[in-house]
N, C-alpha and C. Protein backbone atom coordinates (compact mmCIF):
# COMPACT_ATOMS: atom_id res chain seq x y z
N MET A 1 20.20 13.31 7.13
CA MET A 1 19.47 12.78 6.91
C MET A 1 18.03 12.83 7.79
N ILE A 2 16.87 12.74 7.30
CA ILE A 2 15.73 12.86 8.36
C ILE A 2 15.20 11.65 7.59
N HIS A 3 14.04 11.34 8.36
CA HIS A 3 12.81 10.27 7.98
C HIS A 3 11.97 10.58 8.16
N LEU A 4 10.70 10.44 7.42
CA LEU A 4 9.82 11.49 7.69
C LEU A 4 8.90 10.52 7.94
N THR A 5 7.51 10.13 8.54
CA THR A 5 6.76 9.15 7.65
C THR A 5 5.19 9.92 7.99
N ARG A 6 4.53 9.52 6.94
CA ARG A 6 2.92 9.88 6.86
C ARG A 6 1.91 8.50 6.79
N ARG A 7 1.33 8.99 7.92
CA ARG A 7 -0.06 7.85 8.01
C ARG A 7 -1.15 7.88 7.07
N GLU A 8 -1.76 6.83 6.46
CA GLU A 8 -2.47 7.09 5.91
C GLU A 8 -3.78 5.65 6.09
N ARG A 9 -5.56 6.20 5.64
CA ARG A 9 -6.15 4.58 6.35
C ARG A 9 -7.02 4.70 4.87
N PHE A 10 -7.11 3.44 4.42
CA PHE A 10 -8.06 2.91 3.73
C PHE A 10 -9.06 1.71 4.09
N ASN A 11 -9.81 1.18 3.54
CA ASN A 11 -10.91 -0.07 3.32
C ASN A 11 -10.96 -0.90 2.66
N ALA A 12 -10.07 -1.60 2.56
CA ALA A 12 -10.95 -2.65 0.89
C ALA A 12 -10.90 -3.75 1.74
N ALA A 13 -11.33 -4.44 0.15
CA ALA A 13 -11.89 -6.13 0.17
C ALA A 13 -10.65 -6.40 -0.71
N HIS A 14 -10.38 -8.12 -0.27
CA HIS A 14 -10.09 -9.14 -1.51
C HIS A 14 -10.02 -10.16 -1.17
N ARG A 15 -9.31 -11.39 -1.96
CA ARG A 15 -9.20 -12.25 -1.86
C ARG A 15 -8.35 -13.34 -1.78
N LEU A 16 -7.19 -13.68 -1.21
CA LEU A 16 -6.14 -14.41 -1.73
C LEU A 16 -6.53 -15.85 -1.82
N TYR A 17 -5.72 -16.10 -3.22
CA TYR A 17 -6.29 -17.29 -4.28
C TYR A 17 -5.50 -17.52 -4.98
N ASN A 18 -5.44 -18.43 -5.31
CA ASN A 18 -4.79 -18.58 -7.21
C ASN A 18 -5.10 -19.57 -8.02
N PRO A 19 -5.51 -18.46 -9.50
CA PRO A 19 -6.14 -19.15 -9.71
C PRO A 19 -6.24 -20.25 -10.76
N LYS A 20 -5.21 -20.94 -10.75
CA LYS A 20 -4.77 -22.06 -11.14
C LYS A 20 -5.42 -22.90 -10.32
N TRP A 21 -5.77 -22.57 -9.56
CA TRP A 21 -5.52 -24.15 -8.10
C TRP A 21 -7.64 -24.06 -7.94
N THR A 22 -7.72 -25.05 -7.49
CA THR A 22 -9.17 -25.56 -7.30
C THR A 22 -9.83 -24.57 -5.95
N ASP A 23 -10.74 -24.58 -5.69
CA ASP A 23 -11.71 -24.15 -4.58
C ASP A 23 -10.67 -24.42 -3.33
N GLU A 24 -10.54 -26.22 -3.26
CA GLU A 24 -10.74 -26.89 -1.72
C GLU A 24 -9.14 -26.45 -2.39
N LYS A 25 -8.28 -26.37 -3.53
CA LYS A 25 -6.90 -26.06 -2.36
C LYS A 25 -6.79 -24.80 -2.27
N ASN A 26 -7.13 -23.82 -2.91
CA ASN A 26 -7.21 -22.67 -2.15
C ASN A 26 -7.41 -22.30 -0.79
N LYS A 27 -8.54 -23.12 -0.13
CA LYS A 27 -8.82 -23.24 0.87
C LYS A 27 -8.10 -23.89 2.10
N GLU A 28 -7.14 -24.87 1.80
CA GLU A 28 -6.14 -25.32 2.21
C GLU A 28 -4.80 -24.30 2.43
N VAL A 29 -5.10 -24.44 1.14
CA VAL A 29 -3.49 -22.86 1.44
C VAL A 29 -3.84 -21.73 2.67
N PHE A 30 -4.94 -21.19 1.89
CA PHE A 30 -5.09 -19.54 2.38
C PHE A 30 -6.09 -18.98 3.23
N GLY A 31 -7.34 -20.28 3.72
CA GLY A 31 -8.25 -20.76 4.76
C GLY A 31 -9.47 -19.43 4.32
N ASN A 32 -10.08 -19.46 5.47
CA ASN A 32 -10.89 -17.92 5.64
C ASN A 32 -10.70 -16.41 4.51
N CYS A 33 -9.24 -16.77 4.24
CA CYS A 33 -8.95 -15.19 3.24
C CYS A 33 -8.78 -15.91 2.19
N SER A 34 -9.57 -17.14 1.23
CA SER A 34 -9.55 -17.48 0.72
C SER A 34 -11.05 -17.16 0.07
N ASN A 35 -11.87 -16.99 0.85
CA ASN A 35 -13.39 -16.81 0.53
C ASN A 35 -13.80 -16.32 -0.88
N PRO A 36 -14.44 -16.77 -1.57
CA PRO A 36 -14.78 -16.55 -2.84
C PRO A 36 -15.61 -14.70 -2.78
N ASN A 37 -16.44 -14.98 -1.75
CA ASN A 37 -17.27 -13.53 -1.81
C ASN A 37 -16.17 -12.80 -1.08
N TRP A 38 -15.01 -12.59 -0.58
CA TRP A 38 -14.00 -11.80 -0.69
C TRP A 38 -14.10 -11.71 0.68
N HIS A 39 -13.33 -10.93 1.55
CA HIS A 39 -12.92 -10.31 2.47
C HIS A 39 -12.14 -9.03 3.67
N GLY A 40 -12.36 -8.15 4.32
CA GLY A 40 -12.42 -7.17 4.23
C GLY A 40 -11.30 -6.67 5.22
N HIS A 41 -10.70 -5.40 5.01
CA HIS A 41 -9.69 -4.74 6.00
C HIS A 41 -9.74 -3.51 6.14
N ASN A 42 -9.42 -2.90 7.40
CA ASN A 42 -8.93 -2.01 7.85
C ASN A 42 -7.46 -1.56 7.67
N TYR A 43 -7.27 -1.16 6.58
CA TYR A 43 -5.38 -0.98 6.37
C TYR A 43 -5.58 0.54 7.25
N VAL A 44 -3.71 0.56 7.26
CA VAL A 44 -2.85 1.74 7.79
C VAL A 44 -1.95 1.21 6.72
N LEU A 45 -1.43 2.68 6.69
CA LEU A 45 -0.17 2.81 5.48
C LEU A 45 0.11 3.78 6.20
N TYR A 46 1.97 3.71 6.09
CA TYR A 46 2.67 4.34 6.67
C TYR A 46 3.49 4.56 5.87
N ILE A 47 4.15 5.83 5.27
CA ILE A 47 4.54 5.95 4.01
C ILE A 47 5.75 7.30 4.49
N THR A 48 6.98 6.22 4.49
CA THR A 48 7.84 7.21 4.66
C THR A 48 9.26 7.48 4.44
N VAL A 49 9.78 8.72 4.03
CA VAL A 49 10.03 9.54 3.28
C VAL A 49 11.72 9.64 3.66
N LYS A 50 12.40 9.79 2.97
CA LYS A 50 14.30 10.58 3.39
C LYS A 50 14.69 12.17 2.72
N GLY A 51 15.49 12.13 2.97
CA GLY A 51 15.87 13.74 2.38
C GLY A 51 16.85 14.67 3.75
N GLU A 52 17.20 15.26 3.13
CA GLU A 52 18.03 16.35 3.89
C GLU A 52 16.89 17.51 3.80
N LEU A 53 17.31 18.63 5.32
CA LEU A 53 16.28 20.00 5.31
C LEU A 53 16.51 20.59 4.34
N ARG A 54 15.41 21.24 3.67
CA ARG A 54 15.52 22.37 2.84
C ARG A 54 15.88 23.67 3.66
N ASP A 55 16.96 24.23 3.21
CA ASP A 55 17.26 25.47 4.17
C ASP A 55 15.57 26.44 4.31
N ASP A 56 14.99 26.68 3.43
CA ASP A 56 14.27 28.06 3.13
C ASP A 56 13.24 27.58 3.72
N GLU A 57 12.70 26.15 4.08
CA GLU A 57 11.72 25.71 4.94
C GLU A 57 11.69 25.03 6.13
N GLY A 58 12.42 24.60 6.30
CA GLY A 58 13.12 23.69 7.55
C GLY A 58 12.81 22.45 7.42
N TRP A 59 11.72 21.55 6.39
CA TRP A 59 11.21 20.57 6.31
C TRP A 59 12.13 19.26 5.09
N VAL A 60 12.00 17.83 4.80
CA VAL A 60 12.64 17.61 4.11
C VAL A 60 11.17 17.62 2.65
N ILE A 61 9.91 17.83 3.23
CA ILE A 61 8.69 17.44 1.46
C ILE A 61 7.99 18.46 2.56
N ASP A 62 7.30 18.93 1.50
CA ASP A 62 5.91 19.83 2.14
C ASP A 62 4.54 18.38 2.67
N LEU A 63 4.39 17.93 3.64
CA LEU A 63 3.35 17.10 3.73
C LEU A 63 2.30 17.43 3.53
N LYS A 64 1.89 18.35 2.70
CA LYS A 64 0.52 18.78 2.11
C LYS A 64 0.28 18.16 0.22
N GLN A 65 1.73 18.49 -0.21
CA GLN A 65 2.00 18.20 -1.25
C GLN A 65 2.09 16.31 -1.36
N LEU A 66 2.72 15.80 -0.16
CA LEU A 66 3.13 14.09 -0.15
C LEU A 66 2.02 13.56 0.17
N SER A 67 0.62 14.35 1.08
CA SER A 67 -0.46 13.73 1.26
C SER A 67 -1.49 13.97 0.35
N LYS A 68 -1.24 15.11 -0.87
CA LYS A 68 -2.03 14.78 -1.90
C LYS A 68 -1.24 13.83 -3.05
N VAL A 69 -0.61 13.64 -3.31
CA VAL A 69 0.36 12.76 -3.77
C VAL A 69 -0.41 11.07 -3.62
N VAL A 70 -0.16 10.81 -2.23
CA VAL A 70 -1.02 9.70 -1.48
C VAL A 70 -2.32 9.45 -2.15
N ASP A 71 -2.85 10.60 -1.98
CA ASP A 71 -4.62 10.06 -1.76
C ASP A 71 -4.72 10.36 -3.41
N GLU A 72 -4.35 10.56 -4.35
CA GLU A 72 -4.58 11.18 -6.14
C GLU A 72 -4.17 9.53 -6.27
N HIS A 73 -3.05 9.00 -5.87
CA HIS A 73 -2.36 7.58 -6.50
C HIS A 73 -2.22 6.47 -6.14
N VAL A 74 -3.11 6.50 -4.21
CA VAL A 74 -2.97 5.58 -3.66
C VAL A 74 -4.77 5.24 -3.47
N ILE A 75 -4.94 6.07 -2.13
CA ILE A 75 -6.16 5.99 -1.05
C ILE A 75 -7.60 5.89 -2.45
N GLN A 76 -7.08 7.49 -3.21
CA GLN A 76 -8.54 7.08 -4.34
C GLN A 76 -8.65 5.68 -5.30
N LYS A 77 -7.71 4.89 -5.31
CA LYS A 77 -7.75 3.83 -6.12
C LYS A 77 -7.69 2.49 -5.30
N LEU A 78 -7.84 2.62 -3.92
CA LEU A 78 -8.18 1.42 -2.83
C LEU A 78 -9.27 1.42 -1.94
N ASP A 79 -9.29 2.87 -1.69
CA ASP A 79 -10.29 2.88 -0.04
C ASP A 79 -11.78 2.68 -0.67
N HIS A 80 -12.26 1.41 -0.14
CA HIS A 80 -13.77 0.89 -0.33
C HIS A 80 -14.08 0.37 -1.69
N LYS A 81 -12.44 -0.47 -2.29
CA LYS A 81 -12.51 -0.97 -3.13
C LYS A 81 -12.18 -2.30 -2.82
N ASN A 82 -12.32 -3.53 -4.23
CA ASN A 82 -12.15 -4.72 -4.09
C ASN A 82 -10.47 -5.15 -4.81
N ILE A 83 -9.95 -5.03 -4.26
CA ILE A 83 -8.19 -5.09 -4.27
C ILE A 83 -8.18 -6.09 -5.46
N ASN A 84 -8.74 -6.89 -5.78
CA ASN A 84 -8.59 -8.24 -6.77
C ASN A 84 -9.03 -7.61 -7.94
N VAL A 85 -10.19 -6.82 -8.61
CA VAL A 85 -11.05 -6.25 -9.36
C VAL A 85 -11.21 -5.06 -10.16
N GLU A 86 -10.87 -3.83 -8.73
CA GLU A 86 -11.30 -2.45 -8.99
C GLU A 86 -9.60 -1.89 -9.15
N VAL A 87 -8.91 -2.46 -8.41
CA VAL A 87 -7.23 -1.66 -8.72
C VAL A 87 -6.27 -1.64 -10.02
N ASP A 88 -6.15 -0.81 -10.20
CA ASP A 88 -5.45 -0.90 -11.65
C ASP A 88 -4.01 -1.74 -11.33
N PHE A 89 -3.56 -0.78 -10.37
CA PHE A 89 -1.93 -1.36 -10.13
C PHE A 89 -1.98 -2.73 -9.40
N MET A 90 -3.39 -3.08 -9.55
CA MET A 90 -3.21 -4.69 -9.01
C MET A 90 -3.79 -5.35 -9.46
N LYS A 91 -3.87 -5.30 -11.11
CA LYS A 91 -4.68 -6.28 -11.89
C LYS A 91 -3.56 -7.07 -12.31
N ASP A 92 -4.19 -8.42 -12.04
CA ASP A 92 -3.27 -10.14 -12.77
C ASP A 92 -1.90 -9.80 -11.55
N LYS A 93 -2.26 -9.51 -10.18
CA LYS A 93 -1.32 -9.81 -8.63
C LYS A 93 -2.28 -10.30 -7.64
N ARG A 94 -0.84 -10.94 -6.70
CA ARG A 94 -1.62 -11.39 -5.61
C ARG A 94 -1.97 -10.70 -4.98
N ALA A 95 -3.11 -10.88 -4.21
CA ALA A 95 -4.02 -9.36 -3.47
C ALA A 95 -3.61 -9.50 -2.50
N SER A 96 -2.31 -10.27 -1.58
CA SER A 96 -1.80 -9.91 -0.89
C SER A 96 -1.32 -8.67 0.07
N THR A 97 -0.60 -8.96 1.29
CA THR A 97 -0.45 -7.43 1.56
C THR A 97 0.88 -7.20 1.23
N GLU A 98 1.54 -8.14 0.99
CA GLU A 98 2.85 -7.98 0.85
C GLU A 98 3.04 -7.45 -0.88
N VAL A 99 2.01 -7.81 -1.73
CA VAL A 99 2.07 -7.50 -3.13
C VAL A 99 1.74 -6.48 -2.84
N LEU A 100 0.57 -6.20 -2.46
CA LEU A 100 -0.22 -4.60 -2.41
C LEU A 100 1.53 -3.52 -1.81
N ALA A 101 2.51 -3.62 -1.07
CA ALA A 101 2.61 -3.22 -0.56
C ALA A 101 4.15 -2.46 -1.16
N ILE A 102 4.41 -3.84 -2.31
CA ILE A 102 5.37 -3.50 -3.11
C ILE A 102 4.62 -2.76 -4.32
N GLU A 103 3.66 -2.90 -4.60
CA GLU A 103 2.54 -2.12 -5.93
C GLU A 103 2.37 -0.91 -5.56
N ILE A 104 2.29 -0.12 -3.89
CA ILE A 104 1.97 0.61 -3.78
C ILE A 104 3.47 1.66 -3.73
N TRP A 105 4.91 0.93 -3.14
CA TRP A 105 6.25 1.72 -3.38
C TRP A 105 6.37 1.70 -5.17
N ASN A 106 5.64 1.23 -5.92
CA ASN A 106 5.70 0.97 -7.15
C ASN A 106 5.16 2.37 -7.96
N VAL A 107 3.98 2.49 -7.35
CA VAL A 107 3.54 3.61 -7.67
C VAL A 107 3.86 5.19 -7.00
N LEU A 108 4.76 4.86 -5.78
CA LEU A 108 4.87 5.97 -5.19
C LEU A 108 6.61 6.92 -5.21
N VAL A 109 7.45 5.93 -5.77
CA VAL A 109 8.83 6.03 -5.79
C VAL A 109 8.92 7.63 -6.34
N ASP A 110 8.76 7.16 -7.88
CA ASP A 110 8.49 8.29 -8.90
C ASP A 110 8.04 9.87 -8.31
N GLU A 111 6.71 9.29 -7.70
CA GLU A 111 5.86 10.77 -7.26
C GLU A 111 6.93 11.53 -6.78
N ILE A 112 6.71 10.73 -5.60
CA ILE A 112 7.84 11.56 -4.22
C ILE A 112 9.17 12.26 -4.64
N LYS A 113 9.83 11.68 -5.55
CA LYS A 113 11.42 11.70 -6.15
C LYS A 113 10.92 13.57 -6.71
N GLN A 114 9.76 13.15 -7.45
CA GLN A 114 9.64 15.06 -7.58
C GLN A 114 9.42 15.79 -6.81
N LEU A 115 8.74 15.03 -6.07
CA LEU A 115 8.98 16.43 -4.75
C LEU A 115 9.94 16.32 -3.84
N GLY A 116 11.12 16.08 -3.95
CA GLY A 116 12.19 16.30 -3.61
C GLY A 116 13.14 15.51 -2.61
N ALA A 117 11.48 14.00 -2.18
CA ALA A 117 12.48 13.60 -1.32
C ALA A 117 12.65 11.94 -1.95
N ASP A 118 13.31 10.90 -0.83
CA ASP A 118 13.03 9.55 -1.92
C ASP A 118 12.06 8.84 -0.55
N LEU A 119 11.87 7.89 -1.28
CA LEU A 119 10.87 7.06 -0.46
C LEU A 119 11.72 6.34 -0.39
N HIS A 120 11.68 5.60 1.30
CA HIS A 120 12.47 4.81 2.00
C HIS A 120 11.77 3.85 2.48
N CYS A 121 10.53 3.83 2.87
CA CYS A 121 9.99 2.74 3.08
C CYS A 121 8.26 2.59 3.42
N ILE A 122 7.58 1.86 3.07
CA ILE A 122 6.11 1.45 2.72
C ILE A 122 5.84 0.30 3.90
N LYS A 123 4.99 0.69 5.08
CA LYS A 123 4.18 -0.42 6.13
C LYS A 123 3.42 -0.24 5.91
N LEU A 124 2.70 -1.20 5.97
CA LEU A 124 1.52 -1.80 5.57
C LEU A 124 0.85 -2.41 6.41
N THR A 125 -0.68 -1.97 7.60
CA THR A 125 -0.93 -2.83 8.58
C THR A 125 -1.84 -3.12 8.34
N GLU A 126 -2.80 -4.73 8.11
CA GLU A 126 -3.53 -5.38 7.98
C GLU A 126 -4.44 -5.47 8.48
N THR A 127 -4.08 -6.10 10.42
CA THR A 127 -4.79 -6.62 11.23
C THR A 127 -3.94 -5.80 12.11
N GLU A 128 -4.14 -5.51 13.48
CA GLU A 128 -3.34 -5.19 14.56
C GLU A 128 -2.25 -6.35 14.80
N ASN A 129 -1.95 -7.39 14.28
CA ASN A 129 -1.09 -8.03 14.33
C ASN A 129 0.23 -8.37 13.35
N ASN A 130 -0.70 -8.12 12.01
CA ASN A 130 0.47 -8.21 10.90
C ASN A 130 0.38 -7.06 10.14
N PHE A 131 1.91 -6.74 9.80
CA PHE A 131 2.35 -5.63 8.80
C PHE A 131 3.52 -6.50 8.12
N VAL A 132 3.67 -5.67 7.42
CA VAL A 132 4.81 -5.64 5.86
C VAL A 132 5.35 -4.36 5.69
N GLU A 133 6.27 -4.26 5.81
CA GLU A 133 7.91 -3.55 5.85
C GLU A 133 8.15 -3.68 4.52
N TYR A 134 8.04 -2.77 3.34
CA TYR A 134 9.24 -2.77 2.08
C TYR A 134 9.77 -2.15 1.92
N TYR A 135 11.05 -1.84 1.88
CA TYR A 135 12.04 -1.17 1.48
C TYR A 135 12.43 -1.04 -0.12
N GLY A 136 11.83 -1.20 -0.91
CA GLY A 136 12.27 -1.51 -2.77
C GLY A 136 13.00 -2.10 -2.43
């Protein structure tokens, strides 16, 4: 079993808040991340796939195909967007990094399976100090 990781980057804005709460309560719980005018991050996304080496090619997955799938289904939808209001797969969901990692997994898992590998992990870095890993 081989694990292969592809790194991608995108920039996006979001706001952490609970719409059931007042602005004061949101500020108390989420601090500056609840700014009603949004805030942004330079995200780094790591997509790790796993599988057996293909005898004919000597690889687990065609990285060009993987990159194309990730770009089409994730990066184009997130890059320079507002996660709370512009990203279809985040509609009606909290825009936390944890939820975003789960939803990226949900978008990619079947697409990667069609390429002949299994999705192993989504790692999403929000800042140099904070990241999430999700294994489905």
